[in-house]
C-alpha atoms as a PDB file:
ATOM      1  CA  UNK A   1     127.724 137.350 123.533  1.00  0.00           C
ATOM      2  CA  UNK A   2     124.626 139.257 122.466  1.00  0.00           C
ATOM      3  CA  UNK A   3     124.321 139.342 118.669  1.00  0.00           C
ATOM      4  CA  UNK A   4     122.582 142.374 117.156  1.00  0.00           C
ATOM      5  CA  UNK A   5     120.765 141.856 114.689  1.00  0.00           C
ATOM      6  CA  UNK A   6     120.036 138.296 113.652  1.00  0.00           C
ATOM      7  CA  UNK A   7     117.245 139.247 111.195  1.00  0.00           C
ATOM      8  CA  UNK A   8     119.920 140.716 108.916  1.00  0.00           C
ATOM      9  CA  UNK A   9     121.604 137.295 108.786  1.00  0.00           C
ATOM     10  CA  UNK A  10     118.315 135.526 108.075  1.00  0.00           C
ATOM     11  CA  UNK A  11     117.417 137.950 105.270  1.00  0.00           C
ATOM     12  CA  UNK A  12     120.793 137.304 103.694  1.00  0.00           C
ATOM     13  CA  UNK A  13     120.554 133.528 103.535  1.00  0.00           C
ATOM     14  CA  UNK A  14     116.982 133.717 102.293  1.00  0.00           C
ATOM     15  CA  UNK A  15     118.184 135.630  99.222  1.00  0.00           C
ATOM     16  CA  UNK A  16     118.196 133.839  95.902  1.00  0.00           C
ATOM     17  CA  UNK A  17     121.565 132.169  95.414  1.00  0.00           C
ATOM     18  CA  UNK A  18     122.565 132.383  99.093  1.00  0.00           C
ATOM     19  CA  UNK A  19     120.463 129.622 100.624  1.00  0.00           C
ATOM     20  CA  UNK A  20     123.573 127.453 101.080  1.00  0.00           C
ATOM     21  CA  UNK A  21     124.870 130.057 103.567  1.00  0.00           C
ATOM     22  CA  UNK A  22     122.232 129.108 106.152  1.00  0.00           C
ATOM     23  CA  UNK A  23     124.230 126.312 107.792  1.00  0.00           C
ATOM     24  CA  UNK A  24     127.453 128.252 108.270  1.00  0.00           C
ATOM     25  CA  UNK A  25     125.664 131.444 109.363  1.00  0.00           C
ATOM     26  CA  UNK A  26     123.475 129.587 111.859  1.00  0.00           C
ATOM     27  CA  UNK A  27     126.519 127.729 113.202  1.00  0.00           C
ATOM     28  CA  UNK A  28     128.413 131.011 113.648  1.00  0.00           C
ATOM     29  CA  UNK A  29     125.398 132.597 115.383  1.00  0.00           C
ATOM     30  CA  UNK A  30     124.926 129.701 117.836  1.00  0.00           C
ATOM     31  CA  UNK A  31     128.660 129.538 118.627  1.00  0.00           C
ATOM     32  CA  UNK A  32     128.849 133.290 119.126  1.00  0.00           C
ATOM     33  CA  UNK A  33     125.787 133.349 121.394  1.00  0.00           C
ATOM     34  CA  UNK A  34     127.529 130.823 123.655  1.00  0.00           C
ATOM     35  CA  UNK A  35     130.893 132.616 123.559  1.00  0.00           C
ATOM     36  CA  UNK A  36     132.211 134.873 126.292  1.00  0.00           C
ATOM     37  CA  UNK A  37     135.015 136.542 124.375  1.00  0.00           C
ATOM     38  CA  UNK A  38     137.176 138.890 126.387  1.00  0.00           C
ATOM     39  CA  UNK A  39     139.890 139.521 123.792  1.00  0.00           C
ATOM     40  CA  UNK A  40     140.842 139.288 120.140  1.00  0.00           C
ATOM     41  CA  UNK A  41     143.030 136.312 120.989  1.00  0.00           C
ATOM     42  CA  UNK A  42     140.010 134.305 122.120  1.00  0.00           C
ATOM     43  CA  UNK A  43     138.268 135.008 118.820  1.00  0.00           C
ATOM     44  CA  UNK A  44     141.349 133.944 116.840  1.00  0.00           C
ATOM     45  CA  UNK A  45     141.581 130.715 118.872  1.00  0.00           C
ATOM     46  CA  UNK A  46     137.992 129.849 117.951  1.00  0.00           C
ATOM     47  CA  UNK A  47     138.105 131.265 114.407  1.00  0.00           C
ATOM     48  CA  UNK A  48     141.656 131.080 113.100  1.00  0.00           C
ATOM     49  CA  UNK A  49     140.737 132.574 109.725  1.00  0.00           C
ATOM     50  CA  UNK A  50     139.035 135.627 111.262  1.00  0.00           C
ATOM     51  CA  UNK A  51     140.635 138.956 110.414  1.00  0.00           C
ATOM     52  CA  UNK A  52     140.894 141.560 113.161  1.00  0.00           C
ATOM     53  CA  UNK A  53     140.428 145.103 111.843  1.00  0.00           C
ATOM     54  CA  UNK A  54     140.600 148.558 113.399  1.00  0.00           C
ATOM     55  CA  UNK A  55     137.611 150.079 115.205  1.00  0.00           C
ATOM     56  CA  UNK A  56     136.784 146.788 116.974  1.00  0.00           C
ATOM     57  CA  UNK A  57     135.770 145.017 113.770  1.00  0.00           C
ATOM     58  CA  UNK A  58     136.235 141.390 112.801  1.00  0.00           C
ATOM     59  CA  UNK A  59     135.749 139.693 109.436  1.00  0.00           C
ATOM     60  CA  UNK A  60     134.613 136.062 109.557  1.00  0.00           C
ATOM     61  CA  UNK A  61     134.929 133.807 106.529  1.00  0.00           C
ATOM     62  CA  UNK A  62     131.871 131.576 106.250  1.00  0.00           C
ATOM     63  CA  UNK A  63     130.827 128.821 103.895  1.00  0.00           C
ATOM     64  CA  UNK A  64     134.358 127.926 102.837  1.00  0.00           C
ATOM     65  CA  UNK A  65     135.213 131.613 102.328  1.00  0.00           C
ATOM     66  CA  UNK A  66     132.267 132.033  99.934  1.00  0.00           C
ATOM     67  CA  UNK A  67     130.635 134.478 102.364  1.00  0.00           C
ATOM     68  CA  UNK A  68     131.939 137.239 104.596  1.00  0.00           C
ATOM     69  CA  UNK A  69     130.537 138.556 107.851  1.00  0.00           C
ATOM     70  CA  UNK A  70     131.783 141.838 109.325  1.00  0.00           C
ATOM     71  CA  UNK A  71     130.943 142.562 112.944  1.00  0.00           C
ATOM     72  CA  UNK A  72     131.816 145.210 115.488  1.00  0.00           C
ATOM     73  CA  UNK A  73     132.461 143.942 119.010  1.00  0.00           C
ATOM     74  CA  UNK A  74     132.029 145.670 122.331  1.00  0.00           C
ATOM     75  CA  UNK A  75     133.812 143.426 124.840  1.00  0.00           C
ATOM     76  CA  UNK A  76     132.646 145.215 128.035  1.00  0.00           C
ATOM     77  CA  UNK A  77     128.966 144.802 127.099  1.00  0.00           C
ATOM     78  CA  UNK A  78     129.527 141.414 125.415  1.00  0.00           C
ATOM     79  CA  UNK A  79     127.763 142.692 122.290  1.00  0.00           C
ATOM     80  CA  UNK A  80     128.388 141.799 118.645  1.00  0.00           C
ATOM     81  CA  UNK A  81     126.888 144.148 116.072  1.00  0.00           C
ATOM     82  CA  UNK A  82     126.376 142.824 112.545  1.00  0.00           C
ATOM     83  CA  UNK A  83     127.804 145.416 110.144  1.00  0.00           C
ATOM     84  CA  UNK A  84     127.779 143.440 106.875  1.00  0.00           C
ATOM     85  CA  UNK A  85     126.973 139.991 105.554  1.00  0.00           C
ATOM     86  CA  UNK A  86     127.426 139.151 101.910  1.00  0.00           C
ATOM     87  CA  UNK A  87     129.182 137.186  99.253  1.00  0.00           C
ATOM     88  CA  UNK A  88     132.925 137.429  98.847  1.00  0.00           C
ATOM     89  CA  UNK A  89     132.328 139.468  95.678  1.00  0.00           C
ATOM     90  CA  UNK A  90     130.047 141.915  97.560  1.00  0.00           C
ATOM     91  CA  UNK A  91     132.616 142.178 100.354  1.00  0.00           C
ATOM     92  CA  UNK A  92     135.262 143.248  97.852  1.00  0.00           C
ATOM     93  CA  UNK A  93     133.151 146.357  97.109  1.00  0.00           C
ATOM     94  CA  UNK A  94     132.982 147.653 100.697  1.00  0.00           C
ATOM     95  CA  UNK A  95     135.400 149.125 103.193  1.00  0.00           C
ATOM     96  CA  UNK A  96     135.083 146.730 106.137  1.00  0.00           C
ATOM     97  CA  UNK A  97     136.833 149.193 108.447  1.00  0.00           C
ATOM     98  CA  UNK A  98     134.163 151.831 107.885  1.00  0.00           C
ATOM     99  CA  UNK A  99     130.908 149.982 107.250  1.00  0.00           C
END
């Protein structure tokens, strides 16, 4: 999969108070880069706690559910677009199906 845009992930875990997110975010990024997902089922097999939303969005729980990552996936082009990365508290303030 092609992940667009990694700098957003890096900026997040460089924030004060979020440095502990680096390991789980980097692990997700490396695993996703190697993935060749063709369906939602394949994502759920790899990430059982992922939530599949409308409009081709997925919410990943990272860092023991301390952090949330919302992506939009285009299976035909094998592209994952980062839509949101933040703390669980920040996630509660957004609409993941529209961001």
